[in-house]
Amino acid sequence: MEARISTERHVQRQQKLKEQVDTRIAAAIEKKGILIVFTGNGKGKSTAAFGTVTRAVGHGKTVGVAQYIKGQWDNGEYNLLQPLGVEFHIMGTGFT
């Protein structure tokens, strides 16, 4: 019996908390973005970055990419994502 009452009280408290959070979210007027920088030695940075970009685009988010490419070659990521509205800023040589 006590466990049921305790569970009910917990559910009621959580519902009240959720209502407070929902009210604050509804009142929010400032839009915020996020900047993610992938750096480090070794492999995996581009894979992680473009996986994150793809997920964000899939959720309808606005995405921009600043990519440092060594040399001039066809960029498959650009070819795929640019038509979907991803803004690219390709940086060339001279950054290392």
PDB file of N, CA and C in Angstrom:
ATOM      1  N   MET A   1       0.822  -1.191   0.000  1.00  0.00           N
ATOM      2  CA  MET A   1       0.000   0.000   0.000  1.00  0.00           C
ATOM      3  C   MET A   1       0.868   1.258   0.000  1.00  0.00           C
ATOM      4  N   GLU A   2       1.909   1.283   0.854  1.00  0.00           N
ATOM      5  CA  GLU A   2       2.782   2.455   0.922  1.00  0.00           C
ATOM      6  C   GLU A   2       3.526   2.678  -0.385  1.00  0.00           C
ATOM      7  N   ALA A   3       3.943   1.607  -1.024  1.00  0.00           N
ATOM      8  CA  ALA A   3       4.670   1.735  -2.288  1.00  0.00           C
ATOM      9  C   ALA A   3       3.794   2.372  -3.356  1.00  0.00           C
ATOM     10  N   ARG A   4       2.518   2.004  -3.379  1.00  0.00           N
ATOM     11  CA  ARG A   4       1.596   2.565  -4.368  1.00  0.00           C
ATOM     12  C   ARG A   4       1.413   4.064  -4.124  1.00  0.00           C
ATOM     13  N   ILE A   5       1.250   4.458  -2.866  1.00  0.00           N
ATOM     14  CA  ILE A   5       1.080   5.874  -2.525  1.00  0.00           C
ATOM     15  C   ILE A   5       2.339   6.650  -2.885  1.00  0.00           C
ATOM     16  N   SER A   6       3.482   6.079  -2.561  1.00  0.00           N
ATOM     17  CA  SER A   6       4.751   6.725  -2.889  1.00  0.00           C
ATOM     18  C   SER A   6       4.902   6.892  -4.397  1.00  0.00           C
ATOM     19  N   THR A   7       4.524   5.879  -5.151  1.00  0.00           N
ATOM     20  CA  THR A   7       4.599   5.949  -6.610  1.00  0.00           C
ATOM     21  C   THR A   7       3.654   7.016  -7.146  1.00  0.00           C
ATOM     22  N   GLU A   8       2.455   7.083  -6.610  1.00  0.00           N
ATOM     23  CA  GLU A   8       1.488   8.092  -7.047  1.00  0.00           C
ATOM     24  C   GLU A   8       1.995   9.500  -6.757  1.00  0.00           C
ATOM     25  N   ARG A   9       2.576   9.702  -5.580  1.00  0.00           N
ATOM     26  CA  ARG A   9       3.129  11.018  -5.225  1.00  0.00           C
ATOM     27  C   ARG A   9       4.270  11.386  -6.159  1.00  0.00           C
ATOM     28  N   HIS A  10       5.089  10.401  -6.472  1.00  0.00           N
ATOM     29  CA  HIS A  10       6.200  10.651  -7.394  1.00  0.00           C
ATOM     30  C   HIS A  10       5.672  11.067  -8.767  1.00  0.00           C
ATOM     31  N   VAL A  11       4.679  10.357  -9.264  1.00  0.00           N
ATOM     32  CA  VAL A  11       4.094  10.672 -10.571  1.00  0.00           C
ATOM     33  C   VAL A  11       3.503  12.081 -10.551  1.00  0.00           C
ATOM     34  N   GLN A  12       2.820  12.445  -9.477  1.00  0.00           N
ATOM     35  CA  GLN A  12       2.231  13.782  -9.364  1.00  0.00           C
ATOM     36  C   GLN A  12       3.308  14.863  -9.359  1.00  0.00           C
ATOM     37  N   ARG A  13       4.387  14.642  -8.610  1.00  0.00           N
ATOM     38  CA  ARG A  13       5.487  15.618  -8.566  1.00  0.00           C
ATOM     39  C   ARG A  13       6.140  15.767  -9.933  1.00  0.00           C
ATOM     40  N   GLN A  14       6.353  14.642 -10.600  1.00  0.00           N
ATOM     41  CA  GLN A  14       6.981  14.686 -11.920  1.00  0.00           C
ATOM     42  C   GLN A  14       6.079  15.391 -12.934  1.00  0.00           C
ATOM     43  N   GLN A  15       4.771  15.171 -12.838  1.00  0.00           N
ATOM     44  CA  GLN A  15       3.834  15.835 -13.741  1.00  0.00           C
ATOM     45  C   GLN A  15       3.867  17.349 -13.526  1.00  0.00           C
ATOM     46  N   LYS A  16       3.905  17.775 -12.264  1.00  0.00           N
ATOM     47  CA  LYS A  16       3.978  19.206 -11.957  1.00  0.00           C
ATOM     48  C   LYS A  16       5.281  19.796 -12.494  1.00  0.00           C
ATOM     49  N   LEU A  17       6.375  19.087 -12.314  1.00  0.00           N
ATOM     50  CA  LEU A  17       7.661  19.543 -12.832  1.00  0.00           C
ATOM     51  C   LEU A  17       7.627  19.641 -14.351  1.00  0.00           C
ATOM     52  N   LYS A  18       7.038  18.662 -15.011  1.00  0.00           N
ATOM     53  CA  LYS A  18       6.936  18.679 -16.472  1.00  0.00           C
ATOM     54  C   LYS A  18       6.114  19.876 -16.942  1.00  0.00           C
ATOM     55  N   GLU A  19       5.039  20.189 -16.245  1.00  0.00           N
ATOM     56  CA  GLU A  19       4.220  21.349 -16.603  1.00  0.00           C
ATOM     57  C   GLU A  19       5.028  22.641 -16.490  1.00  0.00           C
ATOM     58  N   GLN A  20       5.853  22.750 -15.446  1.00  0.00           N
ATOM     59  CA  GLN A  20       6.691  23.935 -15.273  1.00  0.00           C
ATOM     60  C   GLN A  20       7.707  24.055 -16.407  1.00  0.00           C
ATOM     61  N   VAL A  21       8.331  22.951 -16.765  1.00  0.00           N
ATOM     62  CA  VAL A  21       9.310  22.956 -17.856  1.00  0.00           C
ATOM     63  C   VAL A  21       8.629  23.297 -19.174  1.00  0.00           C
ATOM     64  N   ASP A  22       7.473  22.698 -19.431  1.00  0.00           N
ATOM     65  CA  ASP A  22       6.740  22.980 -20.667  1.00  0.00           C
ATOM     66  C   ASP A  22       6.353  24.450 -20.761  1.00  0.00           C
ATOM     67  N   THR A  23       5.977  25.057 -19.640  1.00  0.00           N
ATOM     68  CA  THR A  23       5.633  26.480 -19.621  1.00  0.00           C
ATOM     69  C   THR A  23       6.847  27.332 -19.972  1.00  0.00           C
ATOM     70  N   ARG A  24       8.000  26.990 -19.423  1.00  0.00           N
ATOM     71  CA  ARG A  24       9.222  27.746 -19.729  1.00  0.00           C
ATOM     72  C   ARG A  24       9.621  27.586 -21.187  1.00  0.00           C
ATOM     73  N   ILE A  25       9.466  26.397 -21.732  1.00  0.00           N
ATOM     74  CA  ILE A  25       9.797  26.163 -23.143  1.00  0.00           C
ATOM     75  C   ILE A  25       8.873  26.975 -24.036  1.00  0.00           C
ATOM     76  N   ALA A  26       7.585  26.994 -23.719  1.00  0.00           N
ATOM     77  CA  ALA A  26       6.613  27.740 -24.525  1.00  0.00           C
ATOM     78  C   ALA A  26       6.896  29.241 -24.485  1.00  0.00           C
ATOM     79  N   ALA A  27       7.437  29.733 -23.378  1.00  0.00           N
ATOM     80  CA  ALA A  27       7.720  31.160 -23.237  1.00  0.00           C
ATOM     81  C   ALA A  27       9.057  31.560 -23.850  1.00  0.00           C
ATOM     82  N   ALA A  28       9.873  30.612 -24.209  1.00  0.00           N
ATOM     83  CA  ALA A  28      11.201  30.913 -24.754  1.00  0.00           C
ATOM     84  C   ALA A  28      11.066  31.577 -26.115  1.00  0.00           C
ATOM     85  N   ILE A  29      11.798  32.677 -26.309  1.00  0.00           N
ATOM     86  CA  ILE A  29      11.736  33.390 -27.587  1.00  0.00           C
ATOM     87  C   ILE A  29      13.101  33.449 -28.267  1.00  0.00           C
ATOM     88  N   GLU A  30      14.139  33.140 -27.551  1.00  0.00           N
ATOM     89  CA  GLU A  30      15.489  33.225 -28.101  1.00  0.00           C
ATOM     90  C   GLU A  30      15.884  31.885 -28.711  1.00  0.00           C
ATOM     91  N   LYS A  31      16.281  31.936 -29.991  1.00  0.00           N
ATOM     92  CA  LYS A  31      16.765  30.721 -30.642  1.00  0.00           C
ATOM     93  C   LYS A  31      18.271  30.642 -30.452  1.00  0.00           C
ATOM     94  N   LYS A  32      18.745  29.472 -30.149  1.00  0.00           N
ATOM     95  CA  LYS A  32      20.174  29.266 -29.944  1.00  0.00           C
ATOM     96  C   LYS A  32      20.667  28.199 -30.897  1.00  0.00           C
ATOM     97  N   GLY A  33      21.899  28.340 -31.304  1.00  0.00           N
ATOM     98  CA  GLY A  33      22.534  27.351 -32.155  1.00  0.00           C
ATOM     99  C   GLY A  33      23.629  26.640 -31.391  1.00  0.00           C
ATOM    100  N   ILE A  34      24.333  25.812 -32.112  1.00  0.00           N
ATOM    101  CA  ILE A  34      25.430  25.067 -31.500  1.00  0.00           C
ATOM    102  C   ILE A  34      26.574  24.989 -32.502  1.00  0.00           C
ATOM    103  N   LEU A  35      27.779  25.102 -32.002  1.00  0.00           N
ATOM    104  CA  LEU A  35      28.978  24.963 -32.817  1.00  0.00           C
ATOM    105  C   LEU A  35      29.741  23.755 -32.297  1.00  0.00           C
ATOM    106  N   ILE A  36      30.007  22.808 -33.183  1.00  0.00           N
ATOM    107  CA  ILE A  36      30.763  21.611 -32.809  1.00  0.00           C
ATOM    108  C   ILE A  36      32.032  21.591 -33.649  1.00  0.00           C
ATOM    109  N   VAL A  37      33.177  21.459 -33.000  1.00  0.00           N
ATOM    110  CA  VAL A  37      34.465  21.413 -33.689  1.00  0.00           C
ATOM    111  C   VAL A  37      35.087  20.044 -33.437  1.00  0.00           C
ATOM    112  N   PHE A  38      35.410  19.344 -34.514  1.00  0.00           N
ATOM    113  CA  PHE A  38      36.075  18.044 -34.417  1.00  0.00           C
ATOM    114  C   PHE A  38      37.547  18.252 -34.746  1.00  0.00           C
ATOM    115  N   THR A  39      38.430  17.993 -33.788  1.00  0.00           N
ATOM    116  CA  THR A  39      39.868  18.149 -34.001  1.00  0.00           C
ATOM    117  C   THR A  39      40.591  16.932 -33.441  1.00  0.00           C
ATOM    118  N   GLY A  40      41.867  16.853 -33.756  1.00  0.00           N
ATOM    119  CA  GLY A  40      42.684  15.797 -33.179  1.00  0.00           C
ATOM    120  C   GLY A  40      43.463  15.040 -34.226  1.00  0.00           C
ATOM    121  N   ASN A  41      44.360  14.209 -33.741  1.00  0.00           N
ATOM    122  CA  ASN A  41      45.185  13.390 -34.624  1.00  0.00           C
ATOM    123  C   ASN A  41      44.414  12.152 -35.057  1.00  0.00           C
ATOM    124  N   GLY A  42      44.863  11.577 -36.142  1.00  0.00           N
ATOM    125  CA  GLY A  42      44.288  10.309 -36.574  1.00  0.00           C
ATOM    126  C   GLY A  42      43.026  10.468 -37.386  1.00  0.00           C
ATOM    127  N   LYS A  43      42.367   9.355 -37.556  1.00  0.00           N
ATOM    128  CA  LYS A  43      41.185   9.310 -38.421  1.00  0.00           C
ATOM    129  C   LYS A  43      39.901   9.430 -37.611  1.00  0.00           C
ATOM    130  N   GLY A  44      38.800   9.704 -38.329  1.00  0.00           N
ATOM    131  CA  GLY A  44      37.482   9.694 -37.712  1.00  0.00           C
ATOM    132  C   GLY A  44      36.819  11.042 -37.540  1.00  0.00           C
ATOM    133  N   LYS A  45      37.567  12.133 -37.716  1.00  0.00           N
ATOM    134  CA  LYS A  45      36.985  13.452 -37.502  1.00  0.00           C
ATOM    135  C   LYS A  45      35.910  13.770 -38.531  1.00  0.00           C
ATOM    136  N   SER A  46      36.218  13.570 -39.801  1.00  0.00           N
ATOM    137  CA  SER A  46      35.232  13.859 -40.851  1.00  0.00           C
ATOM    138  C   SER A  46      34.035  12.924 -40.747  1.00  0.00           C
ATOM    139  N   THR A  47      34.285  11.669 -40.443  1.00  0.00           N
ATOM    140  CA  THR A  47      33.192  10.708 -40.301  1.00  0.00           C
ATOM    141  C   THR A  47      32.248  11.134 -39.187  1.00  0.00           C
ATOM    142  N   ALA A  48      32.803  11.510 -38.049  1.00  0.00           N
ATOM    143  CA  ALA A  48      31.973  11.958 -36.925  1.00  0.00           C
ATOM    144  C   ALA A  48      31.217  13.232 -37.280  1.00  0.00           C
ATOM    145  N   ALA A  49      31.913  14.165 -37.914  1.00  0.00           N
ATOM    146  CA  ALA A  49      31.288  15.444 -38.254  1.00  0.00           C
ATOM    147  C   ALA A  49      30.148  15.268 -39.245  1.00  0.00           C
ATOM    148  N   PHE A  50      30.376  14.512 -40.308  1.00  0.00           N
ATOM    149  CA  PHE A  50      29.334  14.363 -41.316  1.00  0.00           C
ATOM    150  C   PHE A  50      28.190  13.468 -40.837  1.00  0.00           C
ATOM    151  N   GLY A  51      28.457  12.577 -39.910  1.00  0.00           N
ATOM    152  CA  GLY A  51      27.366  11.836 -39.282  1.00  0.00           C
ATOM    153  C   GLY A  51      26.468  12.774 -38.485  1.00  0.00           C
ATOM    154  N   THR A  52      27.084  13.699 -37.753  1.00  0.00           N
ATOM    155  CA  THR A  52      26.326  14.687 -36.987  1.00  0.00           C
ATOM    156  C   THR A  52      25.539  15.607 -37.912  1.00  0.00           C
ATOM    157  N   VAL A  53      26.177  16.043 -39.008  1.00  0.00           N
ATOM    158  CA  VAL A  53      25.506  16.901 -39.991  1.00  0.00           C
ATOM    159  C   VAL A  53      24.299  16.183 -40.586  1.00  0.00           C
ATOM    160  N   THR A  54      24.483  14.932 -40.963  1.00  0.00           N
ATOM    161  CA  THR A  54      23.404  14.165 -41.582  1.00  0.00           C
ATOM    162  C   THR A  54      22.222  14.002 -40.627  1.00  0.00           C
ATOM    163  N   ARG A  55      22.512  13.705 -39.366  1.00  0.00           N
ATOM    164  CA  ARG A  55      21.428  13.578 -38.387  1.00  0.00           C
ATOM    165  C   ARG A  55      20.693  14.902 -38.204  1.00  0.00           C
ATOM    166  N   ALA A  56      21.438  16.008 -38.136  1.00  0.00           N
ATOM    167  CA  ALA A  56      20.808  17.321 -37.959  1.00  0.00           C
ATOM    168  C   ALA A  56      19.916  17.665 -39.146  1.00  0.00           C
ATOM    169  N   VAL A  57      20.403  17.420 -40.364  1.00  0.00           N
ATOM    170  CA  VAL A  57      19.602  17.676 -41.564  1.00  0.00           C
ATOM    171  C   VAL A  57      18.350  16.805 -41.544  1.00  0.00           C
ATOM    172  N   GLY A  58      18.500  15.560 -41.138  1.00  0.00           N
ATOM    173  CA  GLY A  58      17.362  14.653 -41.060  1.00  0.00           C
ATOM    174  C   GLY A  58      16.293  15.108 -40.078  1.00  0.00           C
ATOM    175  N   HIS A  59      16.703  15.904 -39.082  1.00  0.00           N
ATOM    176  CA  HIS A  59      15.758  16.440 -38.099  1.00  0.00           C
ATOM    177  C   HIS A  59      15.295  17.850 -38.462  1.00  0.00           C
ATOM    178  N   GLY A  60      15.621  18.285 -39.685  1.00  0.00           N
ATOM    179  CA  GLY A  60      15.142  19.580 -40.161  1.00  0.00           C
ATOM    180  C   GLY A  60      15.905  20.778 -39.640  1.00  0.00           C
ATOM    181  N   LYS A  61      17.106  20.585 -39.133  1.00  0.00           N
ATOM    182  CA  LYS A  61      17.912  21.684 -38.607  1.00  0.00           C
ATOM    183  C   LYS A  61      18.665  22.380 -39.734  1.00  0.00           C
ATOM    184  N   THR A  62      19.022  23.641 -39.502  1.00  0.00           N
ATOM    185  CA  THR A  62      19.863  24.391 -40.425  1.00  0.00           C
ATOM    186  C   THR A  62      21.315  24.079 -40.080  1.00  0.00           C
ATOM    187  N   VAL A  63      22.105  23.723 -41.093  1.00  0.00           N
ATOM    188  CA  VAL A  63      23.474  23.265 -40.846  1.00  0.00           C
ATOM    189  C   VAL A  63      24.442  23.992 -41.763  1.00  0.00           C
ATOM    190  N   GLY A  64      25.602  24.325 -41.227  1.00  0.00           N
ATOM    191  CA  GLY A  64      26.696  24.874 -42.009  1.00  0.00           C
ATOM    192  C   GLY A  64      27.960  24.089 -41.709  1.00  0.00           C
ATOM    193  N   VAL A  65      28.840  23.980 -42.705  1.00  0.00           N
ATOM    194  CA  VAL A  65      30.079  23.214 -42.554  1.00  0.00           C
ATOM    195  C   VAL A  65      31.251  24.075 -42.995  1.00  0.00           C
ATOM    196  N   ALA A  66      32.261  24.188 -42.149  1.00  0.00           N
ATOM    197  CA  ALA A  66      33.551  24.764 -42.537  1.00  0.00           C
ATOM    198  C   ALA A  66      34.506  23.581 -42.610  1.00  0.00           C
ATOM    199  N   GLN A  67      34.992  23.292 -43.805  1.00  0.00           N
ATOM    200  CA  GLN A  67      35.812  22.097 -44.008  1.00  0.00           C
ATOM    201  C   GLN A  67      37.167  22.491 -44.575  1.00  0.00           C
ATOM    202  N   TYR A  68      38.205  21.971 -43.961  1.00  0.00           N
ATOM    203  CA  TYR A  68      39.568  22.198 -44.428  1.00  0.00           C
ATOM    204  C   TYR A  68      39.996  20.995 -45.250  1.00  0.00           C
ATOM    205  N   ILE A  69      40.246  21.224 -46.532  1.00  0.00           N
ATOM    206  CA  ILE A  69      40.595  20.140 -47.445  1.00  0.00           C
ATOM    207  C   ILE A  69      41.988  20.394 -47.997  1.00  0.00           C
ATOM    208  N   LYS A  70      42.830  19.383 -47.914  1.00  0.00           N
ATOM    209  CA  LYS A  70      44.177  19.470 -48.479  1.00  0.00           C
ATOM    210  C   LYS A  70      44.106  19.061 -49.935  1.00  0.00           C
ATOM    211  N   GLY A  71      44.333  20.003 -50.812  1.00  0.00           N
ATOM    212  CA  GLY A  71      44.337  19.695 -52.239  1.00  0.00           C
ATOM    213  C   GLY A  71      42.994  19.963 -52.890  1.00  0.00           C
ATOM    214  N   GLN A  72      42.938  19.729 -54.177  1.00  0.00           N
ATOM    215  CA  GLN A  72      41.730  19.963 -54.968  1.00  0.00           C
ATOM    216  C   GLN A  72      41.213  18.633 -55.491  1.00  0.00           C
ATOM    217  N   TRP A  73      40.108  18.150 -54.981  1.00  0.00           N
ATOM    218  CA  TRP A  73      39.483  16.963 -55.521  1.00  0.00           C
ATOM    219  C   TRP A  73      37.977  17.050 -55.287  1.00  0.00           C
ATOM    220  N   ASP A  74      37.263  16.196 -55.973  1.00  0.00           N
ATOM    221  CA  ASP A  74      35.814  16.181 -55.861  1.00  0.00           C
ATOM    222  C   ASP A  74      35.419  15.824 -54.431  1.00  0.00           C
ATOM    223  N   ASN A  75      34.490  16.567 -53.878  1.00  0.00           N
ATOM    224  CA  ASN A  75      34.081  16.399 -52.493  1.00  0.00           C
ATOM    225  C   ASN A  75      32.697  15.749 -52.449  1.00  0.00           C
ATOM    226  N   GLY A  76      32.652  14.460 -52.175  1.00  0.00           N
ATOM    227  CA  GLY A  76      31.394  13.725 -52.154  1.00  0.00           C
ATOM    228  C   GLY A  76      30.421  14.224 -51.101  1.00  0.00           C
ATOM    229  N   GLU A  77      30.940  14.639 -49.943  1.00  0.00           N
ATOM    230  CA  GLU A  77      30.072  15.158 -48.892  1.00  0.00           C
ATOM    231  C   GLU A  77      29.350  16.412 -49.375  1.00  0.00           C
ATOM    232  N   TYR A  78      30.084  17.286 -50.038  1.00  0.00           N
ATOM    233  CA  TYR A  78      29.485  18.505 -50.591  1.00  0.00           C
ATOM    234  C   TYR A  78      28.422  18.147 -51.621  1.00  0.00           C
ATOM    235  N   ASN A  79      28.768  17.238 -52.529  1.00  0.00           N
ATOM    236  CA  ASN A  79      27.837  16.847 -53.594  1.00  0.00           C
ATOM    237  C   ASN A  79      26.529  16.293 -53.031  1.00  0.00           C
ATOM    238  N   LEU A  80      26.601  15.583 -51.913  1.00  0.00           N
ATOM    239  CA  LEU A  80      25.410  14.988 -51.311  1.00  0.00           C
ATOM    240  C   LEU A  80      24.609  15.995 -50.489  1.00  0.00           C
ATOM    241  N   LEU A  81      25.294  16.768 -49.650  1.00  0.00           N
ATOM    242  CA  LEU A  81      24.602  17.575 -48.649  1.00  0.00           C
ATOM    243  C   LEU A  81      24.236  18.982 -49.104  1.00  0.00           C
ATOM    244  N   GLN A  82      24.982  19.557 -50.031  1.00  0.00           N
ATOM    245  CA  GLN A  82      24.692  20.924 -50.477  1.00  0.00           C
ATOM    246  C   GLN A  82      23.300  21.046 -51.097  1.00  0.00           C
ATOM    247  N   PRO A  83      22.853  20.103 -51.924  1.00  0.00           N
ATOM    248  CA  PRO A  83      21.482  20.206 -52.449  1.00  0.00           C
ATOM    249  C   PRO A  83      20.396  20.113 -51.364  1.00  0.00           C
ATOM    250  N   LEU A  84      20.753  19.612 -50.188  1.00  0.00           N
ATOM    251  CA  LEU A  84      19.799  19.514 -49.080  1.00  0.00           C
ATOM    252  C   LEU A  84      19.784  20.776 -48.222  1.00  0.00           C
ATOM    253  N   GLY A  85      20.540  21.801 -48.637  1.00  0.00           N
ATOM    254  CA  GLY A  85      20.526  23.071 -47.925  1.00  0.00           C
ATOM    255  C   GLY A  85      21.672  23.293 -46.965  1.00  0.00           C
ATOM    256  N   VAL A  86      22.629  22.380 -46.914  1.00  0.00           N
ATOM    257  CA  VAL A  86      23.780  22.563 -46.032  1.00  0.00           C
ATOM    258  C   VAL A  86      24.706  23.599 -46.656  1.00  0.00           C
ATOM    259  N   GLU A  87      25.041  24.632 -45.875  1.00  0.00           N
ATOM    260  CA  GLU A  87      25.935  25.686 -46.351  1.00  0.00           C
ATOM    261  C   GLU A  87      27.383  25.263 -46.096  1.00  0.00           C
ATOM    262  N   PHE A  88      28.191  25.246 -47.158  1.00  0.00           N
ATOM    263  CA  PHE A  88      29.587  24.820 -47.048  1.00  0.00           C
ATOM    264  C   PHE A  88      30.526  26.009 -47.186  1.00  0.00           C
ATOM    265  N   HIS A  89      31.589  25.986 -46.396  1.00  0.00           N
ATOM    266  CA  HIS A  89      32.699  26.924 -46.510  1.00  0.00           C
ATOM    267  C   HIS A  89      33.952  26.057 -46.608  1.00  0.00           C
ATOM    268  N   ILE A  90      34.447  25.900 -47.827  1.00  0.00           N
ATOM    269  CA  ILE A  90      35.605  25.039 -48.060  1.00  0.00           C
ATOM    270  C   ILE A  90      36.867  25.885 -47.956  1.00  0.00           C
ATOM    271  N   MET A  91      37.742  25.505 -47.051  1.00  0.00           N
ATOM    272  CA  MET A  91      39.007  26.206 -46.857  1.00  0.00           C
ATOM    273  C   MET A  91      40.090  25.421 -47.575  1.00  0.00           C
ATOM    274  N   GLY A  92      40.980  26.117 -48.228  1.00  0.00           N
ATOM    275  CA  GLY A  92      42.004  25.460 -49.022  1.00  0.00           C
ATOM    276  C   GLY A  92      43.289  25.233 -48.266  1.00  0.00           C
ATOM    277  N   THR A  93      44.380  25.304 -49.003  1.00  0.00           N
ATOM    278  CA  THR A  93      45.693  25.019 -48.430  1.00  0.00           C
ATOM    279  C   THR A  93      46.185  26.210 -47.615  1.00  0.00           C
ATOM    280  N   GLY A  94      47.299  26.001 -46.908  1.00  0.00           N
ATOM    281  CA  GLY A  94      47.924  27.062 -46.146  1.00  0.00           C
ATOM    282  C   GLY A  94      47.447  27.162 -44.709  1.00  0.00           C
ATOM    283  N   PHE A  95      46.761  26.159 -44.228  1.00  0.00           N
ATOM    284  CA  PHE A  95      46.243  26.219 -42.860  1.00  0.00           C
ATOM    285  C   PHE A  95      47.031  25.352 -41.901  1.00  0.00           C
ATOM    286  N   THR A  96      48.026  24.603 -42.406  1.00  0.00           N
ATOM    287  CA  THR A  96      48.787  23.743 -41.505  1.00  0.00           C
ATOM    288  C   THR A  96      50.115  24.354 -41.166  1.00  0.00           C
TER     289      THR A  96
END
